Amino acid sequence: MMKHCLILGVFGGRFQVVDQATGEPVSGIETRIRSTGGQYHTGVTDPDGFTEWIERDAMEALAFDLVQQKP
């Protein structure tokens, strides 16, 4: 799920990671968000499964990746 908003010319978005089987939020998952402008933001999902908000001055598409943990 992606949340987005527009506040005074600032565009923002974030993602929520949920378990496909249970629908419950998944916390503590490392993520990477890419913008069409070529910027990357890495982080970890919060207790409700959300990534941090990403803000841009112009509308851009955001792509979301789960970062694979090495064993």
N, C-alpha and C. Protein backbone atom coordinates (compact mmCIF):
# COMPACT_ATOMS: atom_id res chain seq x y z
N MET A 1 0.84 -1.15 0.00
CA MET A 1 0.00 0.00 0.00
C MET A 1 0.90 1.23 0.00
N MET A 2 0.56 2.24 -0.77
CA MET A 2 1.32 3.47 -0.79
C MET A 2 0.43 4.61 -0.33
N LYS A 3 0.95 5.41 0.58
CA LYS A 3 0.24 6.60 1.05
C LYS A 3 0.90 7.80 0.39
N HIS A 4 0.12 8.80 0.02
CA HIS A 4 0.71 9.99 -0.57
C HIS A 4 -0.10 11.22 -0.21
N CYS A 5 0.54 12.39 -0.32
CA CYS A 5 -0.17 13.63 -0.03
C CYS A 5 0.50 14.78 -0.77
N LEU A 6 -0.15 15.92 -0.79
CA LEU A 6 0.39 17.15 -1.37
C LEU A 6 0.17 18.25 -0.34
N ILE A 7 1.27 18.84 0.14
CA ILE A 7 1.18 19.92 1.12
C ILE A 7 2.01 21.09 0.62
N LEU A 8 1.38 22.20 0.27
CA LEU A 8 2.08 23.42 -0.15
C LEU A 8 3.17 23.16 -1.18
N GLY A 9 2.85 22.42 -2.22
CA GLY A 9 3.80 22.19 -3.30
C GLY A 9 4.83 21.12 -3.02
N VAL A 10 4.72 20.43 -1.90
CA VAL A 10 5.63 19.33 -1.58
C VAL A 10 4.89 18.03 -1.79
N PHE A 11 5.49 17.12 -2.54
CA PHE A 11 4.90 15.82 -2.78
C PHE A 11 5.58 14.81 -1.86
N GLY A 12 4.80 13.89 -1.33
CA GLY A 12 5.38 12.90 -0.44
C GLY A 12 4.68 11.56 -0.57
N GLY A 13 5.38 10.53 -0.18
CA GLY A 13 4.80 9.20 -0.21
C GLY A 13 5.55 8.26 0.71
N ARG A 14 4.90 7.19 1.08
CA ARG A 14 5.54 6.12 1.85
C ARG A 14 4.81 4.83 1.56
N PHE A 15 5.40 3.73 1.93
CA PHE A 15 4.83 2.41 1.69
C PHE A 15 4.58 1.71 3.01
N GLN A 16 3.64 0.77 3.00
CA GLN A 16 3.42 -0.09 4.15
C GLN A 16 3.63 -1.53 3.71
N VAL A 17 4.47 -2.25 4.45
CA VAL A 17 4.73 -3.66 4.17
C VAL A 17 3.77 -4.48 5.03
N VAL A 18 2.99 -5.34 4.37
CA VAL A 18 2.06 -6.22 5.09
C VAL A 18 2.31 -7.67 4.67
N ASP A 19 2.08 -8.56 5.61
CA ASP A 19 2.21 -9.99 5.35
C ASP A 19 1.08 -10.42 4.42
N GLN A 20 1.41 -11.05 3.30
CA GLN A 20 0.41 -11.43 2.30
C GLN A 20 -0.61 -12.42 2.87
N ALA A 21 -0.18 -13.31 3.74
CA ALA A 21 -1.08 -14.33 4.28
C ALA A 21 -2.01 -13.79 5.36
N THR A 22 -1.48 -12.92 6.24
CA THR A 22 -2.27 -12.47 7.38
C THR A 22 -2.82 -11.05 7.24
N GLY A 23 -2.20 -10.26 6.36
CA GLY A 23 -2.60 -8.86 6.22
C GLY A 23 -2.06 -7.97 7.33
N GLU A 24 -1.23 -8.53 8.21
CA GLU A 24 -0.66 -7.77 9.33
C GLU A 24 0.58 -7.00 8.88
N PRO A 25 0.81 -5.80 9.44
CA PRO A 25 2.02 -5.03 9.12
C PRO A 25 3.28 -5.78 9.52
N VAL A 26 4.35 -5.58 8.75
CA VAL A 26 5.63 -6.22 9.03
C VAL A 26 6.64 -5.13 9.40
N SER A 27 7.13 -5.17 10.63
CA SER A 27 8.09 -4.16 11.09
C SER A 27 9.51 -4.69 10.98
N GLY A 28 10.47 -3.75 10.97
CA GLY A 28 11.89 -4.11 11.00
C GLY A 28 12.44 -4.66 9.70
N ILE A 29 11.76 -4.43 8.58
CA ILE A 29 12.22 -4.91 7.28
C ILE A 29 13.01 -3.80 6.58
N GLU A 30 14.22 -4.12 6.10
CA GLU A 30 15.03 -3.13 5.39
C GLU A 30 14.45 -2.91 3.99
N THR A 31 14.32 -1.63 3.62
CA THR A 31 13.71 -1.27 2.35
C THR A 31 14.59 -0.27 1.59
N ARG A 32 14.32 -0.15 0.30
CA ARG A 32 14.96 0.87 -0.53
C ARG A 32 13.87 1.47 -1.42
N ILE A 33 13.81 2.80 -1.45
CA ILE A 33 12.84 3.51 -2.28
C ILE A 33 13.61 4.31 -3.31
N ARG A 34 13.21 4.17 -4.58
CA ARG A 34 13.86 4.87 -5.68
C ARG A 34 12.86 5.85 -6.29
N SER A 35 13.35 7.03 -6.64
CA SER A 35 12.49 8.00 -7.33
C SER A 35 12.86 8.02 -8.81
N THR A 36 11.95 8.52 -9.63
CA THR A 36 12.25 8.62 -11.06
C THR A 36 13.36 9.62 -11.32
N GLY A 37 13.66 10.48 -10.33
CA GLY A 37 14.76 11.42 -10.43
C GLY A 37 16.11 10.79 -10.12
N GLY A 38 16.12 9.49 -9.79
CA GLY A 38 17.37 8.77 -9.56
C GLY A 38 17.86 8.78 -8.12
N GLN A 39 17.06 9.28 -7.20
CA GLN A 39 17.47 9.30 -5.81
C GLN A 39 17.05 8.01 -5.12
N TYR A 40 17.87 7.57 -4.15
CA TYR A 40 17.59 6.36 -3.38
C TYR A 40 17.48 6.73 -1.91
N HIS A 41 16.56 6.06 -1.21
CA HIS A 41 16.42 6.23 0.23
C HIS A 41 16.29 4.84 0.84
N THR A 42 17.16 4.51 1.78
CA THR A 42 17.06 3.22 2.46
C THR A 42 16.62 3.44 3.89
N GLY A 43 15.95 2.45 4.43
CA GLY A 43 15.49 2.54 5.81
C GLY A 43 14.91 1.22 6.26
N VAL A 44 14.24 1.26 7.41
CA VAL A 44 13.64 0.07 8.03
C VAL A 44 12.19 0.42 8.36
N THR A 45 11.29 -0.52 8.14
CA THR A 45 9.88 -0.25 8.44
C THR A 45 9.66 -0.06 9.94
N ASP A 46 8.71 0.81 10.27
CA ASP A 46 8.40 1.12 11.67
C ASP A 46 7.49 0.03 12.27
N PRO A 47 7.07 0.17 13.53
CA PRO A 47 6.22 -0.86 14.15
C PRO A 47 4.90 -1.12 13.42
N ASP A 48 4.43 -0.15 12.62
CA ASP A 48 3.20 -0.33 11.84
C ASP A 48 3.48 -0.76 10.41
N GLY A 49 4.74 -1.11 10.11
CA GLY A 49 5.10 -1.59 8.78
C GLY A 49 5.35 -0.51 7.74
N PHE A 50 5.37 0.77 8.15
CA PHE A 50 5.55 1.86 7.20
C PHE A 50 7.01 2.24 7.02
N THR A 51 7.35 2.64 5.79
CA THR A 51 8.65 3.26 5.53
C THR A 51 8.56 4.71 5.97
N GLU A 52 9.70 5.40 5.96
CA GLU A 52 9.69 6.83 6.24
C GLU A 52 9.03 7.56 5.08
N TRP A 53 8.53 8.78 5.34
CA TRP A 53 7.98 9.61 4.28
C TRP A 53 9.11 10.08 3.39
N ILE A 54 8.88 10.05 2.09
CA ILE A 54 9.82 10.59 1.10
C ILE A 54 9.16 11.84 0.54
N GLU A 55 9.86 12.96 0.58
CA GLU A 55 9.29 14.22 0.08
C GLU A 55 10.09 14.72 -1.11
N ARG A 56 9.39 15.26 -2.08
CA ARG A 56 10.00 15.83 -3.29
C ARG A 56 9.30 17.15 -3.61
N ASP A 57 10.01 18.04 -4.30
CA ASP A 57 9.43 19.32 -4.72
C ASP A 57 8.56 19.18 -5.96
N ALA A 58 8.76 18.10 -6.71
CA ALA A 58 7.98 17.84 -7.92
C ALA A 58 7.43 16.43 -7.85
N MET A 59 6.34 16.20 -8.58
CA MET A 59 5.75 14.87 -8.59
C MET A 59 6.69 13.89 -9.29
N GLU A 60 6.98 12.77 -8.63
CA GLU A 60 7.81 11.70 -9.19
C GLU A 60 7.18 10.38 -8.81
N ALA A 61 7.41 9.37 -9.62
CA ALA A 61 7.00 8.01 -9.25
C ALA A 61 8.02 7.47 -8.25
N LEU A 62 7.54 6.70 -7.28
CA LEU A 62 8.41 6.05 -6.31
C LEU A 62 8.31 4.54 -6.52
N ALA A 63 9.47 3.88 -6.54
CA ALA A 63 9.51 2.42 -6.64
C ALA A 63 10.05 1.88 -5.33
N PHE A 64 9.54 0.76 -4.91
CA PHE A 64 9.83 0.19 -3.62
C PHE A 64 10.49 -1.18 -3.78
N ASP A 65 11.57 -1.42 -3.03
CA ASP A 65 12.26 -2.72 -3.03
C ASP A 65 12.47 -3.18 -1.60
N LEU A 66 12.27 -4.48 -1.35
CA LEU A 66 12.71 -5.08 -0.10
C LEU A 66 14.17 -5.44 -0.28
N VAL A 67 15.00 -5.13 0.71
CA VAL A 67 16.42 -5.44 0.63
C VAL A 67 16.62 -6.84 1.18
N GLN A 68 17.23 -7.70 0.38
CA GLN A 68 17.48 -9.09 0.78
C GLN A 68 18.57 -9.13 1.85
N GLN A 69 18.28 -9.80 2.94
CA GLN A 69 19.27 -9.98 4.00
C GLN A 69 20.14 -11.18 3.67
N LYS A 70 21.45 -11.04 3.82
CA LYS A 70 22.36 -12.16 3.58
C LYS A 70 22.39 -13.03 4.82
N PRO A 71 22.37 -14.37 4.64
CA PRO A 71 22.36 -15.27 5.82
C PRO A 71 23.65 -15.20 6.62
